[in-house]
C-alpha atoms as a PDB file:
ATOM      1  CA  MET A   1       0.000   0.000   0.000  1.00  0.00           C
ATOM      2  CA  VAL A   2       1.190   3.472  -0.853  1.00  0.00           C
ATOM      3  CA  ALA A   3      -0.466   6.669   0.367  1.00  0.00           C
ATOM      4  CA  TYR A   4      -0.214  10.141  -1.096  1.00  0.00           C
ATOM      5  CA  ARG A   5      -1.409  13.373   0.438  1.00  0.00           C
ATOM      6  CA  ARG A   6      -2.220  14.984  -2.902  1.00  0.00           C
ATOM      7  CA  ALA A   7      -3.186  13.694  -6.316  1.00  0.00           C
ATOM      8  CA  GLU A   8      -0.315  15.663  -7.840  1.00  0.00           C
ATOM      9  CA  ASP A   9       2.134  13.664  -5.745  1.00  0.00           C
ATOM     10  CA  LEU A  10       0.687  10.439  -7.110  1.00  0.00           C
ATOM     11  CA  MET A  11       0.849  11.721 -10.667  1.00  0.00           C
ATOM     12  CA  ARG A  12       4.498  12.787 -10.291  1.00  0.00           C
ATOM     13  CA  ASN A  13       5.674   9.684  -8.439  1.00  0.00           C
ATOM     14  CA  ALA A  14       3.285   6.907  -9.461  1.00  0.00           C
ATOM     15  CA  PRO A  15       3.939   3.302  -8.438  1.00  0.00           C
ATOM     16  CA  THR A  16       5.450   1.257 -11.255  1.00  0.00           C
ATOM     17  CA  GLY A  17       3.954  -2.090 -10.265  1.00  0.00           C
ATOM     18  CA  LYS A  18       0.436  -3.418 -10.301  1.00  0.00           C
ATOM     19  CA  VAL A  19      -2.089  -1.309  -8.417  1.00  0.00           C
ATOM     20  CA  ALA A  20      -5.017  -3.202  -6.888  1.00  0.00           C
ATOM     21  CA  LEU A  21      -7.158  -0.294  -5.682  1.00  0.00           C
ATOM     22  CA  VAL A  22      -7.046   3.500  -5.624  1.00  0.00           C
ATOM     23  CA  ILE A  23      -8.910   5.416  -2.943  1.00  0.00           C
ATOM     24  CA  LEU A  24      -9.033   9.097  -3.821  1.00  0.00           C
ATOM     25  CA  ALA A  25     -10.036  11.260  -0.863  1.00  0.00           C
ATOM     26  CA  THR A  26     -10.290  14.530  -2.661  1.00  0.00           C
ATOM     27  CA  SER A  27     -10.781  18.133  -1.751  1.00  0.00           C
ATOM     28  CA  GLU A  28     -10.224  19.200  -5.352  1.00  0.00           C
ATOM     29  CA  ASP A  29     -13.038  20.762  -7.339  1.00  0.00           C
ATOM     30  CA  ALA A  30     -15.197  18.379  -9.373  1.00  0.00           C
ATOM     31  CA  VAL A  31     -13.568  19.280 -12.703  1.00  0.00           C
ATOM     32  CA  ARG A  32     -10.087  18.567 -11.318  1.00  0.00           C
ATOM     33  CA  THR A  33     -11.368  15.317  -9.778  1.00  0.00           C
ATOM     34  CA  GLY A  34     -12.630  14.287 -13.224  1.00  0.00           C
ATOM     35  CA  ARG A  35      -9.203  14.971 -14.738  1.00  0.00           C
ATOM     36  CA  ILE A  36      -7.479  12.960 -12.023  1.00  0.00           C
ATOM     37  CA  LEU A  37      -9.871  10.050 -12.590  1.00  0.00           C
ATOM     38  CA  LYS A  38      -9.157  10.160 -16.329  1.00  0.00           C
ATOM     39  CA  TRP A  39      -5.415  10.070 -15.635  1.00  0.00           C
ATOM     40  CA  LEU A  40      -5.866   7.143 -13.231  1.00  0.00           C
ATOM     41  CA  HIS A  41      -7.966   5.242 -15.759  1.00  0.00           C
ATOM     42  CA  ASN A  42      -5.375   5.801 -18.494  1.00  0.00           C
ATOM     43  CA  ARG A  43      -2.560   4.694 -16.183  1.00  0.00           C
ATOM     44  CA  TRP A  44      -4.283   1.639 -14.644  1.00  0.00           C
ATOM     45  CA  HIS A  45      -7.317   0.971 -16.825  1.00  0.00           C
ATOM     46  CA  ARG A  46      -8.418  -2.137 -14.906  1.00  0.00           C
ATOM     47  CA  CYS A  47      -7.810  -0.769 -11.425  1.00  0.00           C
ATOM     48  CA  PRO A  48     -10.922   0.026  -9.367  1.00  0.00           C
ATOM     49  CA  VAL A  49     -11.133   3.551  -7.989  1.00  0.00           C
ATOM     50  CA  THR A  50     -13.190   4.837  -5.081  1.00  0.00           C
ATOM     51  CA  VAL A  51     -13.639   8.554  -4.510  1.00  0.00           C
ATOM     52  CA  VAL A  52     -14.251   9.710  -0.950  1.00  0.00           C
ATOM     53  CA  GLY A  53     -15.967  13.052  -0.532  1.00  0.00           C
ATOM     54  CA  ASN A  54     -18.066  15.114   1.816  1.00  0.00           C
ATOM     55  CA  SER A  55     -21.843  15.024   1.845  1.00  0.00           C
ATOM     56  CA  GLY A  56     -23.413  17.605  -0.403  1.00  0.00           C
ATOM     57  CA  CYS A  57     -20.647  17.289  -3.013  1.00  0.00           C
ATOM     58  CA  GLY A  58     -22.834  16.232  -5.915  1.00  0.00           C
ATOM     59  CA  GLY A  59     -20.223  17.404  -8.395  1.00  0.00           C
ATOM     60  CA  HIS A  60     -17.646  15.016  -6.963  1.00  0.00           C
ATOM     61  CA  GLU A  61     -20.092  12.137  -7.017  1.00  0.00           C
ATOM     62  CA  LEU A  62     -21.005  12.903 -10.619  1.00  0.00           C
ATOM     63  CA  ALA A  63     -17.318  13.122 -11.593  1.00  0.00           C
ATOM     64  CA  ALA A  64     -16.714   9.781  -9.884  1.00  0.00           C
ATOM     65  CA  ARG A  65     -19.612   8.074 -11.667  1.00  0.00           C
ATOM     66  CA  ILE A  66     -18.636   9.524 -15.062  1.00  0.00           C
ATOM     67  CA  GLY A  67     -15.038   8.465 -14.411  1.00  0.00           C
ATOM     68  CA  GLY A  68     -16.124   4.894 -13.647  1.00  0.00           C
ATOM     69  CA  ALA A  69     -15.346   5.152  -9.935  1.00  0.00           C
ATOM     70  CA  ASN A  70     -17.296   4.283  -6.826  1.00  0.00           C
ATOM     71  CA  TYR A  71     -18.225   7.122  -4.495  1.00  0.00           C
ATOM     72  CA  LEU A  72     -18.388   7.073  -0.696  1.00  0.00           C
ATOM     73  CA  THR A  73     -19.548   9.965   1.474  1.00  0.00           C
ATOM     74  CA  ARG A  74     -17.785  10.870   4.724  1.00  0.00           C
ATOM     75  CA  PRO A  75     -18.080   9.661   7.398  1.00  0.00           C
ATOM     76  CA  ILE A  76     -17.609   6.137   6.078  1.00  0.00           C
ATOM     77  CA  THR A  77     -18.721   3.284   8.291  1.00  0.00           C
ATOM     78  CA  ALA A  78     -16.819   0.050   8.750  1.00  0.00           C
ATOM     79  CA  GLN A  79     -19.643  -1.734   6.921  1.00  0.00           C
ATOM     80  CA  GLN A  80     -19.258   0.575   3.900  1.00  0.00           C
ATOM     81  CA  TRP A  81     -15.488  -0.015   3.752  1.00  0.00           C
ATOM     82  CA  SER A  82     -16.067  -3.746   4.075  1.00  0.00           C
ATOM     83  CA  ALA A  83     -18.701  -3.797   1.328  1.00  0.00           C
ATOM     84  CA  MET A  84     -16.490  -1.776  -1.028  1.00  0.00           C
ATOM     85  CA  LEU A  85     -13.462  -4.009  -0.437  1.00  0.00           C
ATOM     86  CA  SER A  86     -15.562  -7.172  -0.809  1.00  0.00           C
ATOM     87  CA  HIS A  87     -16.904  -5.878  -4.113  1.00  0.00           C
ATOM     88  CA  VAL A  88     -13.394  -5.078  -5.380  1.00  0.00           C
ATOM     89  CA  LEU A  89     -12.140  -8.531  -4.399  1.00  0.00           C
ATOM     90  CA  ASP A  90     -15.148 -10.268  -5.987  1.00  0.00           C
ATOM     91  CA  VAL A  91     -14.670  -8.423  -9.263  1.00  0.00           C
ATOM     92  CA  ARG A  92     -10.942  -9.216  -9.252  1.00  0.00           C
ATOM     93  CA  ARG A  93     -11.631 -12.928  -8.631  1.00  0.00           C
ATOM     94  CA  GLN A  94     -14.078 -12.970 -11.543  1.00  0.00           C
ATOM     95  CA  GLU A  95     -11.524 -11.287 -13.816  1.00  0.00           C
ATOM     96  CA  GLU A  96      -8.837 -13.777 -12.819  1.00  0.00           C
ATOM     97  CA  ALA A  97     -11.206 -16.701 -13.454  1.00  0.00           C
ATOM     98  CA  ARG A  98     -12.012 -15.315 -16.931  1.00  0.00           C
ATOM     99  CA  GLU A  99      -8.297 -14.885 -17.647  1.00  0.00           C
ATOM    100  CA  ARG A 100      -7.561 -18.490 -16.608  1.00  0.00           C
ATOM    101  CA  LEU A 101     -10.437 -19.751 -18.740  1.00  0.00           C
ATOM    102  CA  GLU A 102      -9.196 -17.768 -21.737  1.00  0.00           C
ATOM    103  CA  GLU A 103      -5.653 -19.110 -21.227  1.00  0.00           C
ATOM    104  CA  ARG A 104      -6.963 -22.690 -21.122  1.00  0.00           C
ATOM    105  CA  ARG A 105      -9.111 -22.101 -24.192  1.00  0.00           C
ATOM    106  CA  THR A 106      -6.193 -20.576 -26.100  1.00  0.00           C
ATOM    107  CA  ALA A 107      -3.829 -23.360 -24.985  1.00  0.00           C
ATOM    108  CA  GLY A 108      -6.388 -25.947 -26.118  1.00  0.00           C
ATOM    109  CA  LEU A 109      -6.251 -24.631 -29.657  1.00  0.00           C
ATOM    110  CA  GLY A 110      -2.751 -26.068 -30.038  1.00  0.00           C
ATOM    111  CA  GLY A 111      -1.638 -23.287 -32.329  1.00  0.00           C
ATOM    112  CA  VAL A 112      -4.519 -23.770 -34.796  1.00  0.00           C
ATOM    113  CA  PHE A 113      -6.211 -20.502 -35.688  1.00  0.00           C
END
């Protein structure tokens, strides 16, 4: 796990390995949040993103939804964190199962196209 205080820090010094989940607790305006989400999606297109914002920040929630991210409103309960993490893990397991199935199917072709 790596934590950054600001999105700019992440963008300047991004991890080079696989990223499993990004949690963006933003105080940026909604337009800037949308740009950050676009950058994250371009960098790690399969990585789930959750935006954490304050209640009454409809612009942030809209930016998150348009950017393909989940949105949680502060304060976040333990149950909400748990549900979000469970969802991320379930989706990842499904993706890995599809990848294994595709590998088996491709291997079964024996080089015939």
